[in-house]
Protein backbone atom coordinates (compact mmCIF):
# COMPACT_ATOMS: atom_id res chain seq x y z
CA UNK A 1 103.03 76.20 82.78
CA UNK A 2 99.31 75.59 81.84
CA UNK A 3 98.14 76.73 78.51
CA UNK A 4 95.61 79.38 78.66
CA UNK A 5 93.36 77.17 76.64
CA UNK A 6 93.03 74.79 79.61
CA UNK A 7 91.88 77.41 81.96
CA UNK A 8 88.21 76.95 82.95
CA UNK A 9 86.06 79.95 83.17
CA UNK A 10 83.43 80.53 86.15
CA UNK A 11 79.78 80.80 85.44
CA UNK A 12 78.15 84.37 85.48
CA UNK A 13 74.79 85.93 86.35
CA UNK A 14 73.47 89.28 85.31
CA UNK A 15 73.04 91.73 88.32
CA UNK A 16 71.35 95.01 88.61
CA UNK A 17 72.53 97.83 90.78
CA UNK A 18 69.85 100.31 92.11
CA UNK A 19 71.30 103.89 92.24
CA UNK A 20 69.49 107.32 93.03
CA UNK A 21 67.66 108.38 89.93
CA UNK A 22 67.57 112.12 90.21
CA UNK A 23 67.19 113.23 86.57
CA UNK A 24 66.65 116.55 84.58
CA UNK A 25 63.53 115.87 82.39
CA UNK A 26 63.75 118.83 80.10
CA UNK A 27 67.26 119.72 79.32
CA UNK A 28 66.36 122.72 77.15
CA UNK A 29 64.17 124.42 79.57
CA UNK A 30 66.53 123.80 82.59
CA UNK A 31 69.33 125.47 80.57
CA UNK A 32 66.90 128.40 79.63
CA UNK A 33 65.99 128.79 83.25
CA UNK A 34 69.62 128.84 84.52
CA UNK A 35 70.37 131.23 81.86
CA UNK A 36 67.64 133.52 82.89
CA UNK A 37 68.46 133.22 86.51
CA UNK A 38 72.06 134.35 85.84
CA UNK A 39 70.98 136.86 83.12
CA UNK A 40 74.45 137.62 81.77
CA UNK A 41 74.78 140.98 80.15
CA UNK A 42 75.04 140.55 76.25
CA UNK A 43 75.14 143.65 74.22
CA UNK A 44 73.77 143.62 70.49
CA UNK A 45 76.42 142.03 68.12
CA UNK A 46 78.53 140.77 71.09
CA UNK A 47 80.76 137.91 70.20
CA UNK A 48 80.07 135.21 72.82
CA UNK A 49 82.24 132.15 73.04
CA UNK A 50 80.79 128.82 74.39
CA UNK A 51 83.20 126.19 75.56
CA UNK A 52 82.87 122.43 74.55
CA UNK A 53 85.09 119.87 75.91
CA UNK A 54 86.17 116.44 74.80
CA UNK A 55 84.37 114.29 77.48
CA UNK A 56 81.45 112.19 76.62
CA UNK A 57 78.91 114.24 78.61
CA UNK A 58 75.18 113.28 78.50
CA UNK A 59 73.12 115.84 76.59
CA UNK A 60 76.05 118.05 75.76
CA UNK A 61 74.86 118.80 72.20
CA UNK A 62 71.48 119.70 73.52
CA UNK A 63 72.96 122.04 76.20
CA UNK A 64 75.36 123.85 73.76
CA UNK A 65 72.45 124.16 71.21
CA UNK A 66 70.16 125.80 73.85
CA UNK A 67 73.01 128.08 74.94
CA UNK A 68 73.58 129.21 71.20
CA UNK A 69 69.77 129.95 71.12
CA UNK A 70 69.84 131.94 74.58
CA UNK A 71 72.62 134.08 73.16
CA UNK A 72 70.98 134.73 69.92
CA UNK A 73 67.65 135.66 71.55
CA UNK A 74 69.46 138.51 73.46
CA UNK A 75 71.21 139.79 70.30
CA UNK A 76 74.49 138.09 70.74
CA UNK A 77 76.61 136.35 68.13
CA UNK A 78 77.60 132.80 69.50
CA UNK A 79 80.52 130.79 68.56
CA UNK A 80 81.79 127.49 69.88
CA UNK A 81 85.33 127.05 71.30
CA UNK A 82 86.79 123.44 71.56
CA UNK A 83 88.30 123.43 75.20
CA UNK A 84 90.16 120.14 75.37
CA UNK A 85 93.95 120.86 76.01
CA UNK A 86 95.97 118.65 73.86
CA UNK A 87 93.04 116.20 72.90
CA UNK A 88 92.29 115.50 69.27
CA UNK A 89 95.89 115.05 68.48
CA UNK A 90 96.69 118.49 69.63
CA UNK A 91 95.46 119.92 66.33
CA UNK A 92 92.52 122.34 65.60
CA UNK A 93 90.98 119.94 63.08
CA UNK A 94 91.35 116.99 65.49
CA UNK A 95 89.52 118.82 68.17
CA UNK A 96 86.73 119.67 65.78
CA UNK A 97 86.46 116.11 64.79
CA UNK A 98 86.18 115.14 68.50
CA UNK A 99 83.14 117.50 68.83
CA UNK A 100 81.62 116.07 65.71
CA UNK A 101 81.64 112.79 67.26
CA UNK A 102 79.37 114.14 69.97
CA UNK A 103 77.05 115.75 67.45
CA UNK A 104 78.55 119.36 67.88
CA UNK A 105 79.05 120.79 64.53
CA UNK A 106 78.36 124.06 62.91
CA UNK A 107 75.28 122.77 61.08
CA UNK A 108 73.71 121.01 64.25
CA UNK A 109 74.49 123.81 66.61
CA UNK A 110 73.80 126.84 64.29
CA UNK A 111 76.96 128.55 65.18
CA UNK A 112 80.55 128.51 63.94
CA UNK A 113 83.31 126.49 65.62
CA UNK A 114 86.46 128.50 65.98
CA UNK A 115 89.17 125.97 66.63
CA UNK A 116 92.74 126.84 67.14
CA UNK A 117 95.92 125.67 69.13
CA UNK A 118 97.06 129.30 69.23
CA UNK A 119 97.28 130.82 72.64
CA UNK A 120 97.81 134.21 74.28
CA UNK A 121 99.83 134.65 77.50
CA UNK A 122 97.21 136.62 79.71
CA UNK A 123 99.06 136.59 83.04
CA UNK A 124 101.12 134.66 85.42
CA UNK A 125 100.89 132.90 88.81
CA UNK A 126 102.80 134.10 91.95
CA UNK A 127 105.42 131.44 91.11
CA UNK A 128 106.07 133.03 87.72
CA UNK A 129 104.42 130.39 85.64
CA UNK A 130 102.68 131.81 82.55
CA UNK A 131 98.90 131.49 82.11
CA UNK A 132 97.94 130.86 78.62
CA UNK A 133 94.46 131.18 77.04
CA UNK A 134 92.92 130.15 73.73
CA UNK A 135 93.44 133.08 71.17
CA UNK A 136 89.64 133.04 70.12
CA UNK A 137 88.66 133.07 73.95
CA UNK A 138 90.62 136.22 74.48
CA UNK A 139 89.06 137.94 71.76
CA UNK A 140 85.43 137.24 72.73
CA UNK A 141 83.17 139.82 74.28
CA UNK A 142 81.92 137.32 76.63
CA UNK A 143 82.58 133.64 77.49
CA UNK A 144 80.20 130.91 78.73
CA UNK A 145 82.15 127.92 80.24
CA UNK A 146 80.50 124.69 80.28
CA UNK A 147 81.61 121.36 81.71
CA UNK A 148 80.54 118.40 83.73
CA UNK A 149 81.50 118.59 87.35
CA UNK A 150 82.78 115.30 88.83
CA UNK A 151 85.65 113.74 90.81
CA UNK A 152 88.97 113.86 88.99
CA UNK A 153 90.75 110.67 87.90
CA UNK A 154 94.25 111.88 89.18
CA UNK A 155 93.71 113.52 92.47
CA UNK A 156 91.00 114.63 95.02
CA UNK A 157 90.68 118.07 96.48
CA UNK A 158 88.39 120.97 96.84
CA UNK A 159 88.29 121.64 93.16
CA UNK A 160 88.57 118.59 90.87
CA UNK A 161 87.14 118.20 87.42
CA UNK A 162 84.74 120.99 86.17
CA UNK A 163 84.53 124.65 85.16
CA UNK A 164 87.81 125.53 86.76
CA UNK A 165 89.51 122.64 84.82
CA UNK A 166 87.99 123.36 81.54
CA UNK A 167 89.31 126.84 81.88
CA UNK A 168 92.87 126.17 82.98
CA UNK A 169 93.55 123.07 80.99
CA UNK A 170 90.85 123.06 78.38
CA UNK A 171 91.23 126.63 77.22
CA UNK A 172 95.11 126.59 77.99
CA UNK A 173 95.33 124.31 74.94
CA UNK A 174 98.44 122.09 74.67
CA UNK A 175 100.88 124.57 76.01
CA UNK A 176 98.60 125.48 79.03
CA UNK A 177 97.93 121.88 79.80
CA UNK A 178 101.61 121.02 79.62
CA UNK A 179 102.60 123.75 81.95
CA UNK A 180 100.18 122.54 84.55
CA UNK A 181 100.90 118.76 84.06
CA UNK A 182 104.61 119.52 84.28
CA UNK A 183 104.15 119.83 88.09
CA UNK A 184 102.46 116.39 88.27
CA UNK A 185 99.65 116.07 90.82
CA UNK A 186 100.72 119.11 92.66
CA UNK A 187 100.16 121.06 89.46
CA UNK A 188 96.63 119.76 89.11
CA UNK A 189 95.64 120.31 92.72
CA UNK A 190 97.06 123.73 93.01
CA UNK A 191 97.66 125.29 89.56
CA UNK A 192 94.18 124.40 88.04
CA UNK A 193 92.30 126.82 90.59
CA UNK A 194 95.16 129.52 90.49
CA UNK A 195 95.25 129.40 86.63
CA UNK A 196 91.40 129.58 86.45
CA UNK A 197 91.36 132.50 88.81
CA UNK A 198 93.63 134.51 86.55
CA UNK A 199 91.25 133.73 83.48
CA UNK A 200 88.25 134.90 85.48
CA UNK A 201 89.97 138.03 86.24
CA UNK A 202 91.64 138.60 82.74
CA UNK A 203 89.07 137.34 80.40
CA UNK A 204 85.49 138.02 79.65
CA UNK A 205 83.73 135.11 81.44
CA UNK A 206 80.10 136.05 81.91
CA UNK A 207 78.53 132.75 83.02
CA UNK A 208 79.38 129.11 84.02
CA UNK A 209 77.13 126.21 83.43
CA UNK A 210 77.91 123.12 85.40
CA UNK A 211 76.47 119.58 84.68
CA UNK A 212 76.15 116.76 87.21
CA UNK A 213 75.28 113.14 86.04
CA UNK A 214 73.76 110.54 87.96
CA UNK A 215 74.87 106.80 88.28
CA UNK A 216 72.93 105.86 85.01
CA UNK A 217 74.93 108.38 82.98
CA UNK A 218 71.95 110.84 82.82
CA UNK A 219 71.83 114.57 83.58
CA UNK A 220 70.91 115.00 87.13
CA UNK A 221 71.53 118.67 87.70
CA UNK A 222 72.24 121.76 85.53
CA UNK A 223 73.59 124.70 87.67
CA UNK A 224 74.07 128.17 86.27
CA UNK A 225 76.89 130.29 88.02
CA UNK A 226 77.68 133.94 88.03
CA UNK A 227 81.62 134.28 87.25
CA UNK A 228 82.34 135.29 90.92
CA UNK A 229 80.48 132.31 92.18
CA UNK A 230 82.04 129.62 89.96
CA UNK A 231 84.89 128.48 92.34
CA UNK A 232 82.59 128.60 95.42
CA UNK A 233 79.80 126.80 93.87
CA UNK A 234 81.92 124.11 92.16
CA UNK A 235 83.40 123.14 95.62
CA UNK A 236 79.93 122.41 96.80
CA UNK A 237 78.64 120.69 93.72
CA UNK A 238 81.59 118.24 93.46
CA UNK A 239 80.58 116.74 96.74
CA UNK A 240 77.05 115.97 95.34
CA UNK A 241 78.57 114.56 92.25
CA UNK A 242 80.75 112.11 94.26
CA UNK A 243 77.50 110.92 95.96
CA UNK A 244 75.79 110.23 92.70
CA UNK A 245 78.66 108.43 90.96
CA UNK A 246 78.35 104.81 90.23
CA UNK A 247 80.77 102.17 91.69
CA UNK A 248 81.36 98.67 91.82
CA UNK A 249 79.67 96.83 94.77
CA UNK A 250 82.84 94.83 95.81
CA UNK A 251 85.90 95.95 97.71
CA UNK A 252 88.10 93.31 96.36
CA UNK A 253 88.17 91.43 93.12
CA UNK A 254 90.63 88.81 91.44
CA UNK A 255 89.69 90.08 87.98
CA UNK A 256 87.68 92.97 86.36
CA UNK A 257 86.95 92.64 82.65
CA UNK A 258 86.09 96.11 80.94
CA UNK A 259 84.54 95.54 77.66
CA UNK A 260 85.45 98.93 76.32
CA UNK A 261 87.43 101.91 77.36
CA UNK A 262 87.49 105.33 75.66
CA UNK A 263 87.86 109.08 76.08
CA UNK A 264 84.04 109.47 75.97
CA UNK A 265 83.96 107.41 79.09
CA UNK A 266 86.67 108.75 81.09
CA UNK A 267 89.83 111.06 80.55
CA UNK A 268 91.81 108.11 81.53
CA UNK A 269 89.76 105.65 79.52
CA UNK A 270 88.62 103.87 82.62
CA UNK A 271 87.66 105.96 85.54
CA UNK A 272 90.28 105.44 88.19
CA UNK A 273 87.68 106.17 90.84
CA UNK A 274 85.91 102.95 89.74
CA UNK A 275 89.00 100.66 89.11
CA UNK A 276 90.94 101.84 92.11
CA UNK A 277 94.10 102.47 90.17
CA UNK A 278 96.00 105.65 89.69
CA UNK A 279 99.53 104.40 88.44
CA UNK A 280 100.93 107.81 89.20
CA UNK A 281 104.58 107.56 90.48
CA UNK A 282 104.73 108.77 94.05
CA UNK A 283 100.92 108.93 94.70
CA UNK A 284 99.38 106.30 97.07
CA UNK A 285 97.03 103.89 95.35
CA UNK A 286 93.33 103.87 96.52
CA UNK A 287 92.66 101.19 99.27
CA UNK A 288 89.34 100.24 97.69
CA UNK A 289 88.64 98.79 95.42
CA UNK A 290 91.41 96.53 95.10
CA UNK A 291 91.43 94.58 91.88
CA UNK A 292 94.39 92.19 91.29
CA UNK A 293 94.01 92.07 87.45
CA UNK A 294 92.18 94.35 84.92
CA UNK A 295 91.43 93.31 81.39
CA UNK A 296 90.39 95.73 78.61
CA UNK A 297 88.83 94.35 75.57
CA UNK A 298 87.97 97.28 73.08
CA UNK A 299 88.21 100.97 72.40
CA UNK A 300 85.13 103.14 71.67
CA UNK A 301 84.66 104.55 68.23
CA UNK A 302 84.15 108.05 69.83
CA UNK A 303 87.77 107.98 71.01
CA UNK A 304 89.10 108.39 67.46
CA UNK A 305 91.92 106.15 68.42
CA UNK A 306 92.91 107.89 71.62
CA UNK A 307 93.57 105.04 74.05
CA UNK A 308 94.79 107.11 76.91
CA UNK A 309 94.67 105.02 80.04
CA UNK A 310 95.37 101.78 78.20
CA UNK A 311 98.33 101.16 80.58
CA UNK A 312 95.90 100.87 83.42
CA UNK A 313 95.16 97.40 82.22
CA UNK A 314 97.24 94.30 82.75
CA UNK A 315 96.08 92.70 79.58
CA UNK A 316 94.23 93.72 76.40
CA UNK A 317 92.86 92.17 73.27
CA UNK A 318 94.30 92.39 69.82
CA UNK A 319 91.01 94.12 68.80
CA UNK A 320 91.59 96.92 71.10
CA UNK A 321 95.38 97.22 70.19
CA UNK A 322 94.44 97.49 66.43
CA UNK A 323 92.39 100.42 67.02
CA UNK A 324 95.10 102.49 69.06
CA UNK A 325 96.21 105.73 67.06
CA UNK A 326 99.58 106.59 68.63
CA UNK A 327 99.59 109.88 66.78
CA UNK A 328 96.35 110.77 68.77
CA UNK A 329 97.31 108.99 72.09
CA UNK A 330 100.78 109.99 72.54
CA UNK A 331 100.39 113.67 72.53
CA UNK A 332 97.66 113.40 75.33
CA UNK A 333 99.84 110.92 77.37
CA UNK A 334 102.91 113.22 76.97
CA UNK A 335 100.99 116.29 78.03
CA UNK A 336 99.75 114.52 81.12
CA UNK A 337 103.09 113.54 82.10
CA UNK A 338 101.78 110.03 83.55
CA UNK A 339 103.59 107.99 80.85
CA UNK A 340 102.91 104.54 82.12
CA UNK A 341 99.28 105.06 81.33
CA UNK A 342 100.22 104.91 77.66
CA UNK A 343 102.11 101.82 77.99
CA UNK A 344 100.73 98.83 75.87
CA UNK A 345 99.86 95.81 78.20
CA UNK A 346 100.35 92.20 77.21
CA UNK A 347 98.18 91.75 74.17
CA UNK A 348 96.41 88.50 73.22
CA UNK A 349 94.66 87.47 70.04
CA UNK A 350 91.11 87.39 71.31
CA UNK A 351 88.88 88.35 74.19
CA UNK A 352 88.65 84.76 75.44
CA UNK A 353 92.43 84.26 75.68
CA UNK A 354 93.02 87.73 77.13
CA UNK A 355 90.49 86.80 80.02
CA UNK A 356 92.11 83.33 80.50
CA UNK A 357 95.59 84.49 80.60
CA UNK A 358 94.54 87.22 83.20
CA UNK A 359 92.85 84.49 85.24
CA UNK A 360 96.01 82.29 84.90
CA UNK A 361 98.25 85.11 86.30
CA UNK A 362 96.12 85.93 89.27
CA UNK A 363 97.89 85.15 92.73
CA UNK A 364 96.89 82.26 94.70
CA UNK A 365 94.87 80.41 91.98
CA UNK A 366 91.33 79.13 92.93
CA UNK A 367 88.89 76.96 91.23
CA UNK A 368 86.58 78.74 88.83
CA UNK A 369 83.56 78.51 91.00
CA UNK A 370 85.53 80.48 93.69
CA UNK A 371 87.02 83.23 91.46
CA UNK A 372 85.76 86.77 92.29
CA UNK A 373 85.35 88.22 88.77
CA UNK A 374 83.11 90.93 87.43
CA UNK A 375 82.51 91.97 83.74
CA UNK A 376 81.31 95.51 83.00
CA UNK A 377 80.48 97.29 79.76
CA UNK A 378 82.57 100.29 80.78
CA UNK A 379 83.22 102.48 83.90
CA UNK A 380 80.46 104.65 83.19
CA UNK A 381 77.65 102.03 82.88
CA UNK A 382 77.55 100.06 86.01
CA UNK A 383 73.81 99.61 86.60
CA UNK A 384 74.07 96.25 84.86
CA UNK A 385 77.01 94.10 85.52
CA UNK A 386 77.99 90.31 85.20
CA UNK A 387 79.15 88.69 88.45
CA UNK A 388 80.85 85.41 88.79
CA UNK A 389 79.41 82.43 90.77
CA UNK A 390 82.08 83.02 93.45
CA UNK A 391 80.48 86.37 94.45
CA UNK A 392 76.85 85.29 94.72
CA UNK A 393 76.82 85.22 98.37
CA UNK A 394 77.92 88.70 98.64
CA UNK A 395 75.32 89.74 96.01
CA UNK A 396 72.61 88.14 98.06
CA UNK A 397 73.51 90.13 100.99
CA UNK A 398 73.72 93.65 99.23
CA UNK A 399 70.29 95.24 99.21
CA UNK A 400 70.97 97.34 96.18
CA UNK A 401 71.86 94.34 93.97
CA UNK A 402 69.05 92.29 92.28
CA UNK A 403 69.82 89.17 90.27
CA UNK A 404 68.39 88.68 86.89
CA UNK A 405 68.14 85.16 85.45
CA UNK A 406 70.39 82.00 86.05
CA UNK A 407 73.91 81.22 86.16
CA UNK A 408 75.34 80.96 82.55
CA UNK A 409 78.58 80.22 80.79
CA UNK A 410 80.33 83.00 78.89
CA UNK A 411 79.75 82.94 75.04
CA UNK A 412 82.40 83.91 72.52
CA UNK A 413 81.94 84.35 68.69
CA UNK A 414 84.00 82.48 66.04
CA UNK A 415 86.79 85.04 66.61
CA UNK A 416 86.95 84.39 70.30
CA UNK A 417 85.46 87.63 71.16
CA UNK A 418 82.88 88.23 74.08
CA UNK A 419 79.31 88.57 72.99
CA UNK A 420 77.70 89.77 76.16
CA UNK A 421 77.21 93.27 75.17
CA UNK A 422 76.45 92.83 71.42
């Protein structure tokens, strides 16, 4: 067996991808305009809950702050509800800490954050499954549900990740999320819309606000929705969201190196739509892209140790492993039911050795200059990627790709860690 130290690395070139650039220029004005368009009824002194989830959504703190202002301007008393299922270690304080990482605090928002894991059973599905809802949400005079609308990382359907999900799983807290995830992908596809419908019927939702992001991780659309229009509108918006998502410009790769994973990047640490891996027993893997090996090198600080999705990688660096907090990660993994996504992959002392071991383990070894390899910062930021010399011919034939600079060798610091994104 060849030592990983003897594995030669290919040269790389920086490549820019050109994506559609639709973007909301004035977030506060757009939120205010959408609020005025829906014009929800808010009585003087009414307690209005505003949901805030655990995803790293562009401009989320600005959106929440503006909603707080709109409610106050109409005489209401706004408060913020962490709507994130079992995230934050499945504790109220942990969920407040997640929001604080996104700049959402009582001081910055000008409204209290009412965090609890306590739920109320508000109804049931036709099959008898109970529907649970955050206690503070059930006590509110009105609820404004907010979330990014995007393709889900576990399944595809008419309703994926958006307002229906933030109600069913986010406001369902740990017990509600577990009751849906207990049925696997079937539960996600079918129970999310069913549970959300019960919540719309039994609770005081007065408005929905959907956010769509472009491929540059910027707010592309803000859509206000009347409660009775949430499901219908979300079905249409998720189609637009899929068109705006970034993607890798290659159908097949020997190796993808992901510089960082994290809950602020995707619910699965790495977006499964980007990497072409589900790892859900019984579910067919996507046909494209097909990536033989995936390496992950670091965990974002915003994840607070939650390394959900780490098991999607084949190998990781010790740097990433050292940041994993099992007390935060495991409750999230267990709630999802997809246990393999929490498995710790082969772990190597440095980025350099991790990459070399992944190359060494690729089927049908080829010379470094023929290796099909891409390095990305994370699965959210794909406008700028690093492409190995073996892919240059494909790059030159692709009109949306632009080469910047010359071929270069990878640089590692004295600890053997990659410096590309420093």
